[in-house]
Amino acid sequence: MGYVTSTSISPATSAPAINRPNVVAVGTIVWLGSEVMFFAGLFAIYFTLKSTSPDLWAAETAHLNIPYALTNTTILVLSSVTCQFGVFAAERLQAHRTGGLFNLKRWGLVEWFFLSYALGAVFVAGQILEYATLVSEGISIHSNAYGSAFYLTTGFHGLHVTGGLIAFLLVIGRAFAVKHFGHKEATSAIVVSYYWHFVDVVWIGLFAVIYIIR
């Protein structure tokens, strides 16, 4: 969770300190709750259209390249792992690496978030390439109900991933801009990690629904 602030207590009293949750972290969690409802609506649209056109779904899903999508999914999941390592560095208030470039144990927030950004960018590029392949095979957002459902669900997720990439760059830029990396900067990194992990979990659900459950 995010960092908390404490209310100081006079030495003459024995009452425990009052801990208050970080407002930014709580606000982010509440906002992600609304995002859950948004993606739940997309899942509902997908299943509704699928139930009305089972033959169409059976024919169109044959065009999907599952090994390719699995590889792209693995890349996104790995980006969540590297993002968390960045959070661990932020919690240590370590913005930059303290050793060689290939000494991962000495990496700071900036290095881990740069790697997470690169993996996320590869995922987005892979999704665009998949779109191009499907369009060349006659599956577009306007082709039929399946095309609309596929591009609507994966496209909105792709926009969320892009938003996460921008957030990575903002956190990295902030780490370079400040003279002293403190709790405020660390909290920003932690909040971005909440969002990124959420995006990853949503994609795992989409991957299972679109590519596995036929």
Protein backbone atom coordinates (compact mmCIF):
# COMPACT_ATOMS: atom_id res chain seq x y z
CA MET A 1 0.00 0.00 0.00
CA GLY A 2 1.03 3.63 -0.19
CA TYR A 3 2.86 5.47 2.48
CA VAL A 4 0.96 6.75 5.50
CA THR A 5 1.37 9.75 7.72
CA SER A 6 1.33 9.58 11.46
CA THR A 7 0.03 11.97 14.10
CA SER A 8 2.70 12.60 16.72
CA ILE A 9 1.89 11.87 20.35
CA SER A 10 3.30 13.69 23.33
CA PRO A 11 5.75 11.62 25.41
CA ALA A 12 3.50 12.23 28.39
CA THR A 13 0.76 10.17 26.84
CA SER A 14 0.75 6.49 26.03
CA ALA A 15 -1.90 6.59 23.28
CA PRO A 16 -0.77 4.96 20.03
CA ALA A 17 -0.07 7.05 16.92
CA ILE A 18 -2.97 7.54 14.54
CA ASN A 19 -2.15 6.24 11.08
CA ARG A 20 -4.07 7.64 8.13
CA PRO A 21 -4.11 5.95 4.71
CA ASN A 22 -2.45 7.81 1.87
CA VAL A 23 -5.08 9.84 0.04
CA VAL A 24 -3.53 9.30 -3.40
CA ALA A 25 -3.32 5.53 -2.93
CA VAL A 26 -6.91 5.30 -1.68
CA GLY A 27 -8.15 7.48 -4.54
CA THR A 28 -6.35 5.29 -7.06
CA ILE A 29 -7.90 2.12 -5.62
CA VAL A 30 -11.37 3.67 -5.76
CA TRP A 31 -10.79 4.74 -9.38
CA LEU A 32 -9.57 1.25 -10.30
CA GLY A 33 -12.82 -0.06 -8.83
CA SER A 34 -14.71 1.98 -11.43
CA GLU A 35 -12.38 0.59 -14.11
CA VAL A 36 -13.34 -2.91 -13.00
CA MET A 37 -16.97 -2.06 -13.75
CA PHE A 38 -15.98 -0.65 -17.15
CA PHE A 39 -14.17 -3.80 -18.21
CA ALA A 40 -16.95 -5.94 -16.74
CA GLY A 41 -19.26 -4.19 -19.20
CA LEU A 42 -16.89 -5.01 -22.07
CA PHE A 43 -16.80 -8.66 -21.01
CA ALA A 44 -20.61 -8.68 -20.89
CA ILE A 45 -20.81 -7.25 -24.42
CA TYR A 46 -18.37 -9.86 -25.70
CA PHE A 47 -20.24 -12.79 -24.13
CA THR A 48 -23.62 -11.47 -25.27
CA LEU A 49 -22.53 -11.17 -28.90
CA LYS A 50 -20.82 -14.54 -28.71
CA SER A 51 -23.97 -16.24 -27.41
CA THR A 52 -26.02 -14.85 -30.31
CA SER A 53 -23.51 -15.89 -33.02
CA PRO A 54 -21.78 -19.14 -31.99
CA ASP A 55 -21.09 -20.25 -35.57
CA LEU A 56 -19.51 -16.90 -36.42
CA TRP A 57 -17.29 -17.11 -33.34
CA ALA A 58 -16.20 -20.65 -34.24
CA ALA A 59 -15.19 -19.53 -37.72
CA GLU A 60 -13.46 -16.28 -36.81
CA THR A 61 -11.50 -17.51 -33.79
CA ALA A 62 -9.76 -19.96 -36.12
CA HIS A 63 -7.80 -16.97 -37.43
CA LEU A 64 -6.28 -16.24 -34.02
CA ASN A 65 -2.61 -17.07 -33.52
CA ILE A 66 -2.62 -18.41 -29.98
CA PRO A 67 1.18 -19.01 -29.62
CA TYR A 68 1.80 -15.44 -30.77
CA ALA A 69 -0.78 -14.04 -28.34
CA LEU A 70 0.65 -16.19 -25.53
CA THR A 71 4.12 -14.79 -26.18
CA ASN A 72 2.78 -11.25 -26.12
CA THR A 73 0.90 -12.02 -22.91
CA THR A 74 4.06 -13.37 -21.30
CA ILE A 75 5.87 -10.14 -22.16
CA LEU A 76 3.15 -8.09 -20.45
CA VAL A 77 3.19 -10.32 -17.36
CA LEU A 78 6.98 -9.97 -17.13
CA SER A 79 6.56 -6.19 -17.25
CA SER A 80 4.43 -6.46 -14.13
CA VAL A 81 7.25 -8.34 -12.41
CA THR A 82 9.84 -5.72 -13.35
CA CYS A 83 7.43 -2.99 -12.27
CA GLN A 84 7.21 -4.55 -8.82
CA PHE A 85 10.99 -4.64 -8.54
CA GLY A 86 10.86 -0.92 -9.30
CA VAL A 87 8.42 -0.50 -6.41
CA PHE A 88 10.79 -2.35 -4.09
CA ALA A 89 13.53 0.11 -5.10
CA ALA A 90 11.17 3.05 -4.54
CA GLU A 91 10.32 1.78 -1.06
CA ARG A 92 14.07 1.81 -0.34
CA LEU A 93 14.07 5.40 -1.70
CA GLN A 94 16.56 4.30 -4.34
CA ALA A 95 15.87 6.20 -7.54
CA HIS A 96 18.93 5.14 -9.57
CA ARG A 97 21.28 2.19 -9.80
CA THR A 98 24.25 2.07 -7.49
CA GLY A 99 26.29 -0.46 -9.48
CA GLY A 100 26.98 -1.62 -13.00
CA LEU A 101 24.25 -1.67 -15.63
CA PHE A 102 24.11 -5.47 -15.63
CA ASN A 103 24.08 -5.75 -11.85
CA LEU A 104 20.32 -6.06 -11.41
CA LYS A 105 20.59 -6.22 -7.62
CA ARG A 106 21.80 -2.62 -7.65
CA TRP A 107 19.12 -1.28 -9.96
CA GLY A 108 16.90 1.53 -8.80
CA LEU A 109 13.40 2.66 -9.67
CA VAL A 110 14.43 4.32 -12.93
CA GLU A 111 16.08 1.24 -14.40
CA TRP A 112 13.24 -1.12 -13.48
CA PHE A 113 10.58 1.26 -14.75
CA PHE A 114 12.49 1.81 -18.01
CA LEU A 115 12.52 -1.97 -18.51
CA SER A 116 8.81 -2.18 -17.67
CA TYR A 117 8.12 0.59 -20.18
CA ALA A 118 10.09 -1.26 -22.88
CA LEU A 119 8.21 -4.51 -22.27
CA GLY A 120 4.87 -2.70 -22.30
CA ALA A 121 5.79 -0.96 -25.55
CA VAL A 122 6.69 -4.32 -27.11
CA PHE A 123 3.26 -5.62 -26.05
CA VAL A 124 1.48 -2.70 -27.69
CA ALA A 125 3.53 -3.10 -30.86
CA GLY A 126 2.72 -6.81 -30.89
CA GLN A 127 -0.97 -6.06 -30.56
CA ILE A 128 -0.82 -3.61 -33.47
CA LEU A 129 0.92 -6.24 -35.59
CA GLU A 130 -1.81 -8.74 -34.71
CA TYR A 131 -4.45 -6.21 -35.74
CA ALA A 132 -2.73 -5.73 -39.09
CA THR A 133 -2.61 -9.47 -39.66
CA LEU A 134 -6.29 -9.96 -38.84
CA VAL A 135 -7.35 -7.04 -41.04
CA SER A 136 -5.42 -8.56 -43.93
CA GLU A 137 -7.45 -11.72 -43.37
CA GLY A 138 -10.72 -9.82 -43.55
CA ILE A 139 -11.44 -9.34 -39.84
CA SER A 140 -11.93 -5.65 -39.05
CA ILE A 141 -14.01 -3.76 -36.52
CA HIS A 142 -16.69 -3.26 -39.19
CA SER A 143 -16.65 -6.76 -40.67
CA ASN A 144 -19.09 -8.46 -38.27
CA ALA A 145 -20.10 -8.82 -34.62
CA TYR A 146 -16.97 -10.77 -33.80
CA GLY A 147 -14.68 -8.10 -35.23
CA SER A 148 -16.51 -5.40 -33.28
CA ALA A 149 -16.28 -7.36 -30.02
CA PHE A 150 -12.63 -8.29 -30.52
CA TYR A 151 -11.35 -4.82 -31.36
CA LEU A 152 -13.56 -3.12 -28.79
CA THR A 153 -12.33 -5.21 -25.87
CA THR A 154 -8.66 -5.47 -26.83
CA GLY A 155 -8.53 -1.91 -28.15
CA PHE A 156 -9.73 -0.32 -24.93
CA HIS A 157 -7.24 -2.45 -23.05
CA GLY A 158 -4.49 -1.28 -25.40
CA LEU A 159 -5.41 2.33 -24.64
CA HIS A 160 -5.09 1.59 -20.93
CA VAL A 161 -1.67 0.05 -21.51
CA THR A 162 -0.63 3.16 -23.41
CA GLY A 163 -1.79 5.27 -20.49
CA GLY A 164 0.36 3.15 -18.20
CA LEU A 165 3.38 3.71 -20.45
CA ILE A 166 2.88 7.46 -20.18
CA ALA A 167 2.64 7.12 -16.39
CA PHE A 168 5.97 5.24 -16.34
CA LEU A 169 7.63 8.10 -18.21
CA LEU A 170 6.16 10.67 -15.82
CA VAL A 171 7.47 8.81 -12.77
CA ILE A 172 10.90 8.37 -14.38
CA GLY A 173 11.00 12.05 -15.31
CA ARG A 174 10.06 13.02 -11.78
CA ALA A 175 12.84 10.83 -10.39
CA PHE A 176 15.34 12.75 -12.54
CA ALA A 177 13.81 16.15 -11.76
CA VAL A 178 13.92 16.05 -7.95
CA LYS A 179 17.13 16.56 -6.00
CA HIS A 180 16.11 14.16 -3.26
CA PHE A 181 13.93 11.13 -3.98
CA GLY A 182 11.52 10.95 -1.06
CA HIS A 183 8.27 9.39 0.08
CA LYS A 184 6.16 11.55 -2.23
CA GLU A 185 8.01 10.27 -5.31
CA ALA A 186 7.93 6.72 -3.98
CA THR A 187 4.17 6.93 -3.50
CA SER A 188 3.76 8.02 -7.13
CA ALA A 189 5.66 4.92 -8.24
CA ILE A 190 3.55 2.68 -6.02
CA VAL A 191 0.31 4.14 -7.37
CA VAL A 192 1.46 3.57 -10.95
CA SER A 193 2.26 -0.03 -10.04
CA TYR A 194 -1.32 -0.49 -8.81
CA TYR A 195 -2.59 0.61 -12.21
CA TRP A 196 -0.09 -1.49 -14.15
CA HIS A 197 -0.86 -4.66 -12.20
CA PHE A 198 -4.55 -4.02 -12.78
CA VAL A 199 -3.99 -3.70 -16.52
CA ASP A 200 -2.05 -6.97 -16.53
CA VAL A 201 -4.75 -8.85 -14.63
CA VAL A 202 -7.43 -7.56 -17.01
CA TRP A 203 -5.41 -8.75 -19.99
CA ILE A 204 -5.00 -12.22 -18.50
CA GLY A 205 -8.80 -12.37 -18.27
CA LEU A 206 -9.18 -11.12 -21.85
CA PHE A 207 -6.61 -13.61 -23.10
CA ALA A 208 -8.47 -16.48 -21.44
CA VAL A 209 -11.86 -15.35 -22.79
CA ILE A 210 -10.79 -14.45 -26.33
CA TYR A 211 -8.01 -16.95 -27.11
CA ILE A 212 -8.60 -19.94 -24.83
CA ILE A 213 -12.36 -20.24 -24.29
CA ARG A 214 -13.71 -20.86 -27.75
